[in-house]
Amino acid sequence: MSKRLIRISAKDIYSSLEMLIKIEINAVMDNGNTHFGKLESFTKEHLLIRDTRNHAHLIPLPTLYEIVYDAGSK
């Protein structure tokens, strides 16, 4: 049985963001905090995630440790 959770390390995040637009992701920060929500947009400096309470979170890319998402949600 294959695993459905996909992990994208910090060095590969920017190149993978285009395929994750409108997908629910977990953005894991360097300090261990995690933000969950749909990826709405991104730039070279930030990504914008909207959580389940409809709050926007602007996350600086250099502070990300990894992105985790469910491959079944695509």
N, C-alpha and C. Protein backbone atom coordinates (compact mmCIF):
# COMPACT_ATOMS: atom_id res chain seq x y z
N MET A 1 0.85 -1.18 0.00
CA MET A 1 0.00 0.00 0.00
C MET A 1 0.90 1.24 0.00
N SER A 2 0.63 2.16 -0.90
CA SER A 2 1.46 3.36 -1.00
C SER A 2 1.04 4.40 0.03
N LYS A 3 1.96 5.25 0.36
CA LYS A 3 1.68 6.35 1.28
C LYS A 3 1.10 7.52 0.51
N ARG A 4 0.16 8.23 1.12
CA ARG A 4 -0.48 9.35 0.45
C ARG A 4 0.11 10.69 0.85
N LEU A 5 0.82 10.76 1.97
CA LEU A 5 1.39 12.03 2.39
C LEU A 5 2.67 12.31 1.62
N ILE A 6 2.73 13.50 1.04
CA ILE A 6 3.91 13.92 0.28
C ILE A 6 4.59 15.05 1.05
N ARG A 7 5.90 14.94 1.20
CA ARG A 7 6.69 15.96 1.89
C ARG A 7 7.59 16.64 0.87
N ILE A 8 7.60 17.97 0.91
CA ILE A 8 8.46 18.75 0.03
C ILE A 8 9.42 19.53 0.92
N SER A 9 10.70 19.29 0.76
CA SER A 9 11.70 19.94 1.62
C SER A 9 11.88 21.40 1.21
N ALA A 10 12.51 22.16 2.07
CA ALA A 10 12.66 23.61 1.89
C ALA A 10 13.32 23.97 0.57
N LYS A 11 14.31 23.21 0.13
CA LYS A 11 15.02 23.55 -1.10
C LYS A 11 14.18 23.35 -2.36
N ASP A 12 13.12 22.54 -2.27
CA ASP A 12 12.27 22.25 -3.43
C ASP A 12 10.92 22.93 -3.39
N ILE A 13 10.65 23.72 -2.36
CA ILE A 13 9.31 24.28 -2.18
C ILE A 13 8.91 25.21 -3.32
N TYR A 14 9.72 26.18 -3.65
CA TYR A 14 9.30 27.19 -4.64
C TYR A 14 8.98 26.55 -5.99
N SER A 15 9.77 25.59 -6.41
CA SER A 15 9.54 24.96 -7.71
C SER A 15 8.29 24.08 -7.72
N SER A 16 7.77 23.72 -6.55
CA SER A 16 6.60 22.84 -6.46
C SER A 16 5.30 23.58 -6.19
N LEU A 17 5.35 24.88 -5.93
CA LEU A 17 4.15 25.60 -5.50
C LEU A 17 3.07 25.70 -6.58
N GLU A 18 3.45 25.80 -7.83
CA GLU A 18 2.46 25.96 -8.90
C GLU A 18 1.45 24.81 -8.91
N MET A 19 1.91 23.59 -8.68
CA MET A 19 1.00 22.45 -8.70
C MET A 19 0.16 22.33 -7.43
N LEU A 20 0.46 23.14 -6.41
CA LEU A 20 -0.26 23.05 -5.14
C LEU A 20 -1.32 24.13 -4.96
N ILE A 21 -1.50 25.02 -5.93
CA ILE A 21 -2.52 26.07 -5.82
C ILE A 21 -3.88 25.43 -5.63
N LYS A 22 -4.64 25.93 -4.65
CA LYS A 22 -5.98 25.45 -4.29
C LYS A 22 -5.99 24.08 -3.63
N ILE A 23 -4.83 23.59 -3.22
CA ILE A 23 -4.72 22.31 -2.51
C ILE A 23 -4.51 22.61 -1.03
N GLU A 24 -5.10 21.78 -0.16
CA GLU A 24 -4.88 21.93 1.28
C GLU A 24 -3.49 21.42 1.62
N ILE A 25 -2.71 22.27 2.28
CA ILE A 25 -1.34 21.92 2.64
C ILE A 25 -1.09 22.21 4.11
N ASN A 26 -0.06 21.59 4.64
CA ASN A 26 0.49 21.91 5.95
C ASN A 26 1.84 22.56 5.71
N ALA A 27 1.97 23.81 6.13
CA ALA A 27 3.24 24.52 6.01
C ALA A 27 3.95 24.44 7.36
N VAL A 28 5.02 23.66 7.41
CA VAL A 28 5.77 23.45 8.64
C VAL A 28 6.91 24.45 8.68
N MET A 29 6.94 25.25 9.75
CA MET A 29 7.94 26.30 9.89
C MET A 29 9.22 25.74 10.54
N ASP A 30 10.31 26.50 10.44
CA ASP A 30 11.57 26.11 11.07
C ASP A 30 11.44 25.94 12.58
N ASN A 31 10.55 26.72 13.20
CA ASN A 31 10.38 26.66 14.66
C ASN A 31 9.41 25.57 15.10
N GLY A 32 8.86 24.80 14.16
CA GLY A 32 7.97 23.69 14.50
C GLY A 32 6.49 24.02 14.38
N ASN A 33 6.14 25.30 14.30
CA ASN A 33 4.74 25.66 14.11
C ASN A 33 4.27 25.19 12.74
N THR A 34 2.99 24.85 12.65
CA THR A 34 2.41 24.38 11.40
C THR A 34 1.16 25.17 11.08
N HIS A 35 1.02 25.62 9.84
CA HIS A 35 -0.18 26.29 9.37
C HIS A 35 -0.85 25.38 8.36
N PHE A 36 -2.18 25.21 8.50
CA PHE A 36 -2.94 24.37 7.58
C PHE A 36 -3.93 25.22 6.82
N GLY A 37 -4.05 24.98 5.54
CA GLY A 37 -5.05 25.68 4.74
C GLY A 37 -4.80 25.48 3.26
N LYS A 38 -5.64 26.11 2.46
CA LYS A 38 -5.49 26.04 1.00
C LYS A 38 -4.50 27.09 0.54
N LEU A 39 -3.59 26.68 -0.30
CA LEU A 39 -2.62 27.61 -0.87
C LEU A 39 -3.34 28.47 -1.90
N GLU A 40 -3.36 29.78 -1.66
CA GLU A 40 -4.05 30.69 -2.57
C GLU A 40 -3.13 31.33 -3.59
N SER A 41 -1.95 31.74 -3.14
CA SER A 41 -1.01 32.38 -4.06
C SER A 41 0.39 32.32 -3.45
N PHE A 42 1.37 32.70 -4.27
CA PHE A 42 2.75 32.71 -3.78
C PHE A 42 3.59 33.67 -4.62
N THR A 43 4.66 34.13 -4.02
CA THR A 43 5.69 34.91 -4.70
C THR A 43 7.03 34.26 -4.33
N LYS A 44 8.12 34.87 -4.76
CA LYS A 44 9.43 34.33 -4.39
C LYS A 44 9.74 34.54 -2.91
N GLU A 45 8.99 35.45 -2.26
CA GLU A 45 9.25 35.75 -0.86
C GLU A 45 8.23 35.15 0.10
N HIS A 46 6.96 35.01 -0.31
CA HIS A 46 5.88 34.60 0.59
C HIS A 46 4.94 33.63 -0.09
N LEU A 47 4.19 32.90 0.75
CA LEU A 47 3.02 32.19 0.25
C LEU A 47 1.83 32.56 1.10
N LEU A 48 0.66 32.52 0.49
CA LEU A 48 -0.58 32.91 1.16
C LEU A 48 -1.46 31.68 1.31
N ILE A 49 -1.77 31.35 2.57
CA ILE A 49 -2.62 30.20 2.89
C ILE A 49 -3.89 30.72 3.56
N ARG A 50 -5.03 30.20 3.16
CA ARG A 50 -6.31 30.55 3.80
C ARG A 50 -6.77 29.33 4.59
N ASP A 51 -6.92 29.51 5.93
CA ASP A 51 -7.27 28.39 6.80
C ASP A 51 -8.77 28.12 6.80
N THR A 52 -9.19 27.16 7.59
CA THR A 52 -10.60 26.75 7.61
C THR A 52 -11.53 27.80 8.22
N ARG A 53 -10.98 28.77 8.93
CA ARG A 53 -11.78 29.88 9.47
C ARG A 53 -11.78 31.08 8.53
N ASN A 54 -11.25 30.87 7.33
CA ASN A 54 -11.17 31.90 6.29
C ASN A 54 -10.20 33.02 6.63
N HIS A 55 -9.21 32.74 7.49
CA HIS A 55 -8.17 33.71 7.81
C HIS A 55 -6.98 33.48 6.89
N ALA A 56 -6.42 34.56 6.41
CA ALA A 56 -5.26 34.47 5.54
C ALA A 56 -3.98 34.50 6.37
N HIS A 57 -3.02 33.69 5.97
CA HIS A 57 -1.71 33.64 6.61
C HIS A 57 -0.66 33.87 5.54
N LEU A 58 0.11 34.93 5.70
CA LEU A 58 1.21 35.24 4.79
C LEU A 58 2.49 34.69 5.40
N ILE A 59 3.06 33.70 4.77
CA ILE A 59 4.20 32.98 5.35
C ILE A 59 5.45 33.24 4.51
N PRO A 60 6.50 33.75 5.14
CA PRO A 60 7.77 33.97 4.41
C PRO A 60 8.40 32.63 4.02
N LEU A 61 8.77 32.48 2.76
CA LEU A 61 9.37 31.22 2.29
C LEU A 61 10.65 30.83 3.03
N PRO A 62 11.52 31.79 3.39
CA PRO A 62 12.75 31.37 4.08
C PRO A 62 12.51 30.73 5.46
N THR A 63 11.32 30.92 6.04
CA THR A 63 11.04 30.34 7.36
C THR A 63 10.42 28.95 7.28
N LEU A 64 10.18 28.45 6.06
CA LEU A 64 9.56 27.13 5.91
C LEU A 64 10.58 26.00 6.02
N TYR A 65 10.21 24.98 6.75
CA TYR A 65 11.02 23.76 6.84
C TYR A 65 10.59 22.76 5.77
N GLU A 66 9.26 22.58 5.63
CA GLU A 66 8.73 21.68 4.62
C GLU A 66 7.25 21.95 4.41
N ILE A 67 6.72 21.42 3.32
CA ILE A 67 5.29 21.41 3.06
C ILE A 67 4.86 19.96 2.98
N VAL A 68 3.75 19.65 3.65
CA VAL A 68 3.20 18.30 3.65
C VAL A 68 1.78 18.39 3.12
N TYR A 69 1.43 17.50 2.18
CA TYR A 69 0.06 17.47 1.66
C TYR A 69 -0.33 16.04 1.35
N ASP A 70 -1.63 15.82 1.23
CA ASP A 70 -2.19 14.52 0.95
C ASP A 70 -2.29 14.35 -0.57
N ALA A 71 -1.62 13.36 -1.12
CA ALA A 71 -1.63 13.14 -2.57
C ALA A 71 -3.03 12.84 -3.07
N GLY A 72 -3.92 12.36 -2.23
CA GLY A 72 -5.28 12.07 -2.64
C GLY A 72 -6.14 13.30 -2.80
N SER A 73 -5.67 14.45 -2.34
CA SER A 73 -6.45 15.68 -2.43
C SER A 73 -6.30 16.37 -3.78
N LYS A 74 -5.42 15.88 -4.62
CA LYS A 74 -5.20 16.50 -5.94
C LYS A 74 -6.29 16.09 -6.81
